[in-house]
Amino acid sequence: MFDPLYILVLLALLAVVVVLTIGLLGFMTGGEFNRKYANKLMRLRIVMQAVAVVLILIFIALRGGS
């Protein structure tokens, strides 16, 4: 599967995992980093998830059933 849209979906999912991991690690350690970036990372994760869901829906619509 070297479909460019498939690769784009995988990259979007990877970006969500990276942002989520950074947010969780910041939350677990606490401190200044968490106070400064917790809300920004949460908003970024939500945006990344929305983009990933839209890309998945586009992928299914274009490639679904075949």
PDB file of N, CA and C in Angstrom:
ATOM      1  N   MET A   1       0.835  -1.190   0.000  1.00  0.00           N
ATOM      2  CA  MET A   1       0.000   0.000   0.000  1.00  0.00           C
ATOM      3  C   MET A   1       0.876   1.249   0.000  1.00  0.00           C
ATOM      4  N   PHE A   2       1.242   1.683  -1.151  1.00  0.00           N
ATOM      5  CA  PHE A   2       2.034   2.903  -1.285  1.00  0.00           C
ATOM      6  C   PHE A   2       1.171   4.047  -1.782  1.00  0.00           C
ATOM      7  N   ASP A   3      -0.073   4.011  -1.397  1.00  0.00           N
ATOM      8  CA  ASP A   3      -1.022   5.054  -1.739  1.00  0.00           C
ATOM      9  C   ASP A   3      -0.668   6.317  -0.947  1.00  0.00           C
ATOM     10  N   PRO A   4      -0.519   7.454  -1.608  1.00  0.00           N
ATOM     11  CA  PRO A   4      -0.160   8.690  -0.890  1.00  0.00           C
ATOM     12  C   PRO A   4      -1.170   9.069   0.198  1.00  0.00           C
ATOM     13  N   LEU A   5      -2.441   8.833  -0.046  1.00  0.00           N
ATOM     14  CA  LEU A   5      -3.457   9.154   0.959  1.00  0.00           C
ATOM     15  C   LEU A   5      -3.318   8.243   2.178  1.00  0.00           C
ATOM     16  N   TYR A   6      -3.002   6.984   1.950  1.00  0.00           N
ATOM     17  CA  TYR A   6      -2.773   6.042   3.049  1.00  0.00           C
ATOM     18  C   TYR A   6      -1.586   6.483   3.895  1.00  0.00           C
ATOM     19  N   ILE A   7      -0.513   6.887   3.245  1.00  0.00           N
ATOM     20  CA  ILE A   7       0.671   7.364   3.953  1.00  0.00           C
ATOM     21  C   ILE A   7       0.346   8.635   4.736  1.00  0.00           C
ATOM     22  N   LEU A   8      -0.456   9.512   4.155  1.00  0.00           N
ATOM     23  CA  LEU A   8      -0.861  10.743   4.839  1.00  0.00           C
ATOM     24  C   LEU A   8      -1.688  10.425   6.087  1.00  0.00           C
ATOM     25  N   VAL A   9      -2.567   9.443   5.986  1.00  0.00           N
ATOM     26  CA  VAL A   9      -3.363   9.019   7.145  1.00  0.00           C
ATOM     27  C   VAL A   9      -2.444   8.478   8.240  1.00  0.00           C
ATOM     28  N   LEU A  10      -1.476   7.652   7.855  1.00  0.00           N
ATOM     29  CA  LEU A  10      -0.543   7.113   8.843  1.00  0.00           C
ATOM     30  C   LEU A  10       0.272   8.214   9.517  1.00  0.00           C
ATOM     31  N   LEU A  11       0.708   9.199   8.745  1.00  0.00           N
ATOM     32  CA  LEU A  11       1.460  10.309   9.324  1.00  0.00           C
ATOM     33  C   LEU A  11       0.599  11.131  10.285  1.00  0.00           C
ATOM     34  N   ALA A  12      -0.663  11.316   9.931  1.00  0.00           N
ATOM     35  CA  ALA A  12      -1.573  12.052  10.818  1.00  0.00           C
ATOM     36  C   ALA A  12      -1.783  11.296  12.127  1.00  0.00           C
ATOM     37  N   LEU A  13      -1.932   9.981  12.033  1.00  0.00           N
ATOM     38  CA  LEU A  13      -2.092   9.174  13.240  1.00  0.00           C
ATOM     39  C   LEU A  13      -0.825   9.200  14.091  1.00  0.00           C
ATOM     40  N   LEU A  14       0.310   9.147  13.447  1.00  0.00           N
ATOM     41  CA  LEU A  14       1.581   9.226  14.175  1.00  0.00           C
ATOM     42  C   LEU A  14       1.722  10.574  14.881  1.00  0.00           C
ATOM     43  N   ALA A  15       1.306  11.642  14.217  1.00  0.00           N
ATOM     44  CA  ALA A  15       1.372  12.973  14.833  1.00  0.00           C
ATOM     45  C   ALA A  15       0.491  13.046  16.071  1.00  0.00           C
ATOM     46  N   VAL A  16      -0.689  12.421  16.013  1.00  0.00           N
ATOM     47  CA  VAL A  16      -1.581  12.395  17.183  1.00  0.00           C
ATOM     48  C   VAL A  16      -0.914  11.651  18.333  1.00  0.00           C
ATOM     49  N   VAL A  17      -0.293  10.527  18.026  1.00  0.00           N
ATOM     50  CA  VAL A  17       0.371   9.733  19.072  1.00  0.00           C
ATOM     51  C   VAL A  17       1.529  10.519  19.692  1.00  0.00           C
ATOM     52  N   VAL A  18       2.290  11.222  18.872  1.00  0.00           N
ATOM     53  CA  VAL A  18       3.429  11.996  19.380  1.00  0.00           C
ATOM     54  C   VAL A  18       2.949  13.114  20.303  1.00  0.00           C
ATOM     55  N   VAL A  19       1.950  13.869  19.862  1.00  0.00           N
ATOM     56  CA  VAL A  19       1.436  14.977  20.686  1.00  0.00           C
ATOM     57  C   VAL A  19       0.821  14.441  21.974  1.00  0.00           C
ATOM     58  N   LEU A  20       0.089  13.334  21.878  1.00  0.00           N
ATOM     59  CA  LEU A  20      -0.510  12.733  23.067  1.00  0.00           C
ATOM     60  C   LEU A  20       0.567  12.266  24.042  1.00  0.00           C
ATOM     61  N   THR A  21       1.609  11.653  23.534  1.00  0.00           N
ATOM     62  CA  THR A  21       2.694  11.177  24.393  1.00  0.00           C
ATOM     63  C   THR A  21       3.406  12.329  25.088  1.00  0.00           C
ATOM     64  N   ILE A  22       3.694  13.383  24.349  1.00  0.00           N
ATOM     65  CA  ILE A  22       4.334  14.555  24.951  1.00  0.00           C
ATOM     66  C   ILE A  22       3.440  15.144  26.043  1.00  0.00           C
ATOM     67  N   GLY A  23       2.150  15.232  25.770  1.00  0.00           N
ATOM     68  CA  GLY A  23       1.215  15.758  26.758  1.00  0.00           C
ATOM     69  C   GLY A  23       1.140  14.891  28.002  1.00  0.00           C
ATOM     70  N   LEU A  24       1.100  13.571  27.805  1.00  0.00           N
ATOM     71  CA  LEU A  24       1.035  12.672  28.959  1.00  0.00           C
ATOM     72  C   LEU A  24       2.313  12.721  29.786  1.00  0.00           C
ATOM     73  N   LEU A  25       3.455  12.755  29.125  1.00  0.00           N
ATOM     74  CA  LEU A  25       4.716  12.833  29.853  1.00  0.00           C
ATOM     75  C   LEU A  25       4.825  14.149  30.622  1.00  0.00           C
ATOM     76  N   GLY A  26       4.378  15.238  30.000  1.00  0.00           N
ATOM     77  CA  GLY A  26       4.377  16.521  30.693  1.00  0.00           C
ATOM     78  C   GLY A  26       3.449  16.522  31.893  1.00  0.00           C
ATOM     79  N   PHE A  27       2.297  15.870  31.731  1.00  0.00           N
ATOM     80  CA  PHE A  27       1.336  15.783  32.836  1.00  0.00           C
ATOM     81  C   PHE A  27       1.894  14.945  33.978  1.00  0.00           C
ATOM     82  N   MET A  28       2.570  13.851  33.638  1.00  0.00           N
ATOM     83  CA  MET A  28       3.111  12.965  34.676  1.00  0.00           C
ATOM     84  C   MET A  28       4.245  13.634  35.453  1.00  0.00           C
ATOM     85  N   THR A  29       5.072  14.395  34.762  1.00  0.00           N
ATOM     86  CA  THR A  29       6.189  15.035  35.452  1.00  0.00           C
ATOM     87  C   THR A  29       5.772  16.331  36.131  1.00  0.00           C
ATOM     88  N   GLY A  30       4.730  16.965  35.617  1.00  0.00           N
ATOM     89  CA  GLY A  30       4.260  18.219  36.209  1.00  0.00           C
ATOM     90  C   GLY A  30       5.264  19.331  35.997  1.00  0.00           C
ATOM     91  N   GLY A  31       5.288  20.269  36.890  1.00  0.00           N
ATOM     92  CA  GLY A  31       6.268  21.340  36.823  1.00  0.00           C
ATOM     93  C   GLY A  31       5.902  22.444  35.853  1.00  0.00           C
ATOM     94  N   GLU A  32       6.895  23.234  35.526  1.00  0.00           N
ATOM     95  CA  GLU A  32       6.710  24.423  34.686  1.00  0.00           C
ATOM     96  C   GLU A  32       6.270  24.066  33.272  1.00  0.00           C
ATOM     97  N   PHE A  33       6.836  22.989  32.717  1.00  0.00           N
ATOM     98  CA  PHE A  33       6.466  22.584  31.358  1.00  0.00           C
ATOM     99  C   PHE A  33       4.978  22.299  31.277  1.00  0.00           C
ATOM    100  N   ASN A  34       4.470  21.559  32.244  1.00  0.00           N
ATOM    101  CA  ASN A  34       3.049  21.223  32.244  1.00  0.00           C
ATOM    102  C   ASN A  34       2.188  22.471  32.386  1.00  0.00           C
ATOM    103  N   ARG A  35       2.565  23.367  33.272  1.00  0.00           N
ATOM    104  CA  ARG A  35       1.774  24.596  33.450  1.00  0.00           C
ATOM    105  C   ARG A  35       1.771  25.445  32.187  1.00  0.00           C
ATOM    106  N   LYS A  36       2.895  25.454  31.488  1.00  0.00           N
ATOM    107  CA  LYS A  36       3.022  26.331  30.324  1.00  0.00           C
ATOM    108  C   LYS A  36       2.385  25.745  29.062  1.00  0.00           C
ATOM    109  N   TYR A  37       2.485  24.424  28.882  1.00  0.00           N
ATOM    110  CA  TYR A  37       2.107  23.836  27.602  1.00  0.00           C
ATOM    111  C   TYR A  37       0.931  22.857  27.646  1.00  0.00           C
ATOM    112  N   ALA A  38       0.362  22.558  28.797  1.00  0.00           N
ATOM    113  CA  ALA A  38      -0.682  21.534  28.888  1.00  0.00           C
ATOM    114  C   ALA A  38      -1.881  21.872  28.002  1.00  0.00           C
ATOM    115  N   ASN A  39      -2.402  23.087  28.113  1.00  0.00           N
ATOM    116  CA  ASN A  39      -3.578  23.454  27.319  1.00  0.00           C
ATOM    117  C   ASN A  39      -3.262  23.554  25.836  1.00  0.00           C
ATOM    118  N   LYS A  40      -2.080  24.044  25.498  1.00  0.00           N
ATOM    119  CA  LYS A  40      -1.686  24.133  24.090  1.00  0.00           C
ATOM    120  C   LYS A  40      -1.576  22.747  23.471  1.00  0.00           C
ATOM    121  N   LEU A  41      -0.989  21.810  24.210  1.00  0.00           N
ATOM    122  CA  LEU A  41      -0.865  20.450  23.698  1.00  0.00           C
ATOM    123  C   LEU A  41      -2.228  19.781  23.568  1.00  0.00           C
ATOM    124  N   MET A  42      -3.131  20.044  24.507  1.00  0.00           N
ATOM    125  CA  MET A  42      -4.461  19.469  24.424  1.00  0.00           C
ATOM    126  C   MET A  42      -5.204  19.988  23.190  1.00  0.00           C
ATOM    127  N   ARG A  43      -5.107  21.279  22.956  1.00  0.00           N
ATOM    128  CA  ARG A  43      -5.756  21.860  21.762  1.00  0.00           C
ATOM    129  C   ARG A  43      -5.138  21.320  20.482  1.00  0.00           C
ATOM    130  N   LEU A  44      -3.822  21.209  20.471  1.00  0.00           N
ATOM    131  CA  LEU A  44      -3.136  20.671  19.301  1.00  0.00           C
ATOM    132  C   LEU A  44      -3.543  19.227  19.052  1.00  0.00           C
ATOM    133  N   ARG A  45      -3.679  18.450  20.116  1.00  0.00           N
ATOM    134  CA  ARG A  45      -4.102  17.055  19.965  1.00  0.00           C
ATOM    135  C   ARG A  45      -5.502  16.965  19.386  1.00  0.00           C
ATOM    136  N   ILE A  46      -6.396  17.817  19.830  1.00  0.00           N
ATOM    137  CA  ILE A  46      -7.766  17.801  19.324  1.00  0.00           C
ATOM    138  C   ILE A  46      -7.790  18.156  17.840  1.00  0.00           C
ATOM    139  N   VAL A  47      -7.020  19.154  17.453  1.00  0.00           N
ATOM    140  CA  VAL A  47      -6.946  19.532  16.040  1.00  0.00           C
ATOM    141  C   VAL A  47      -6.354  18.393  15.217  1.00  0.00           C
ATOM    142  N   MET A  48      -5.285  17.782  15.721  1.00  0.00           N
ATOM    143  CA  MET A  48      -4.647  16.669  15.003  1.00  0.00           C
ATOM    144  C   MET A  48      -5.612  15.492  14.858  1.00  0.00           C
ATOM    145  N   GLN A  49      -6.376  15.213  15.912  1.00  0.00           N
ATOM    146  CA  GLN A  49      -7.346  14.124  15.833  1.00  0.00           C
ATOM    147  C   GLN A  49      -8.432  14.426  14.807  1.00  0.00           C
ATOM    148  N   ALA A  50      -8.884  15.665  14.758  1.00  0.00           N
ATOM    149  CA  ALA A  50      -9.898  16.043  13.779  1.00  0.00           C
ATOM    150  C   ALA A  50      -9.368  15.876  12.361  1.00  0.00           C
ATOM    151  N   VAL A  51      -8.139  16.299  12.142  1.00  0.00           N
ATOM    152  CA  VAL A  51      -7.527  16.147  10.819  1.00  0.00           C
ATOM    153  C   VAL A  51      -7.398  14.665  10.473  1.00  0.00           C
ATOM    154  N   ALA A  52      -6.966  13.861  11.433  1.00  0.00           N
ATOM    155  CA  ALA A  52      -6.816  12.428  11.183  1.00  0.00           C
ATOM    156  C   ALA A  52      -8.158  11.776  10.858  1.00  0.00           C
ATOM    157  N   VAL A  53      -9.197  12.137  11.582  1.00  0.00           N
ATOM    158  CA  VAL A  53     -10.525  11.570  11.324  1.00  0.00           C
ATOM    159  C   VAL A  53     -11.021  11.970   9.939  1.00  0.00           C
ATOM    160  N   VAL A  54     -10.839  13.223   9.568  1.00  0.00           N
ATOM    161  CA  VAL A  54     -11.269  13.681   8.239  1.00  0.00           C
ATOM    162  C   VAL A  54     -10.503  12.928   7.151  1.00  0.00           C
ATOM    163  N   LEU A  55      -9.199  12.769   7.335  1.00  0.00           N
ATOM    164  CA  LEU A  55      -8.409  12.030   6.352  1.00  0.00           C
ATOM    165  C   LEU A  55      -8.844  10.569   6.258  1.00  0.00           C
ATOM    166  N   ILE A  56      -9.165   9.963   7.392  1.00  0.00           N
ATOM    167  CA  ILE A  56      -9.641   8.581   7.375  1.00  0.00           C
ATOM    168  C   ILE A  56     -10.969   8.482   6.641  1.00  0.00           C
ATOM    169  N   LEU A  57     -11.863   9.421   6.886  1.00  0.00           N
ATOM    170  CA  LEU A  57     -13.159   9.412   6.194  1.00  0.00           C
ATOM    171  C   LEU A  57     -12.992   9.608   4.689  1.00  0.00           C
ATOM    172  N   ILE A  58     -12.084  10.501   4.301  1.00  0.00           N
ATOM    173  CA  ILE A  58     -11.802  10.696   2.876  1.00  0.00           C
ATOM    174  C   ILE A  58     -11.227   9.423   2.271  1.00  0.00           C
ATOM    175  N   PHE A  59     -10.320   8.791   2.987  1.00  0.00           N
ATOM    176  CA  PHE A  59      -9.723   7.545   2.510  1.00  0.00           C
ATOM    177  C   PHE A  59     -10.789   6.471   2.309  1.00  0.00           C
ATOM    178  N   ILE A  60     -11.680   6.339   3.288  1.00  0.00           N
ATOM    179  CA  ILE A  60     -12.753   5.335   3.188  1.00  0.00           C
ATOM    180  C   ILE A  60     -13.678   5.665   2.029  1.00  0.00           C
ATOM    181  N   ALA A  61     -14.016   6.941   1.874  1.00  0.00           N
ATOM    182  CA  ALA A  61     -14.929   7.333   0.800  1.00  0.00           C
ATOM    183  C   ALA A  61     -14.316   7.054  -0.574  1.00  0.00           C
ATOM    184  N   LEU A  62     -13.024   7.301  -0.720  1.00  0.00           N
ATOM    185  CA  LEU A  62     -12.385   7.116  -2.015  1.00  0.00           C
ATOM    186  C   LEU A  62     -11.980   5.674  -2.273  1.00  0.00           C
ATOM    187  N   ARG A  63     -11.576   4.966  -1.223  1.00  0.00           N
ATOM    188  CA  ARG A  63     -11.028   3.617  -1.414  1.00  0.00           C
ATOM    189  C   ARG A  63     -11.921   2.521  -0.838  1.00  0.00           C
ATOM    190  N   GLY A  64     -12.977   2.892  -0.177  1.00  0.00           N
ATOM    191  CA  GLY A  64     -13.826   1.907   0.493  1.00  0.00           C
ATOM    192  C   GLY A  64     -14.487   0.950  -0.471  1.00  0.00           C
ATOM    193  N   GLY A  65     -14.580  -0.282  -0.042  1.00  0.00           N
ATOM    194  CA  GLY A  65     -15.278  -1.296  -0.833  1.00  0.00           C
ATOM    195  C   GLY A  65     -14.439  -1.942  -1.895  1.00  0.00           C
ATOM    196  N   SER A  66     -13.239  -1.457  -2.138  1.00  0.00           N
ATOM    197  CA  SER A  66     -12.424  -2.101  -3.184  1.00  0.00           C
ATOM    198  C   SER A  66     -11.130  -2.614  -2.617  1.00  0.00           C
TER     199      SER A  66
END
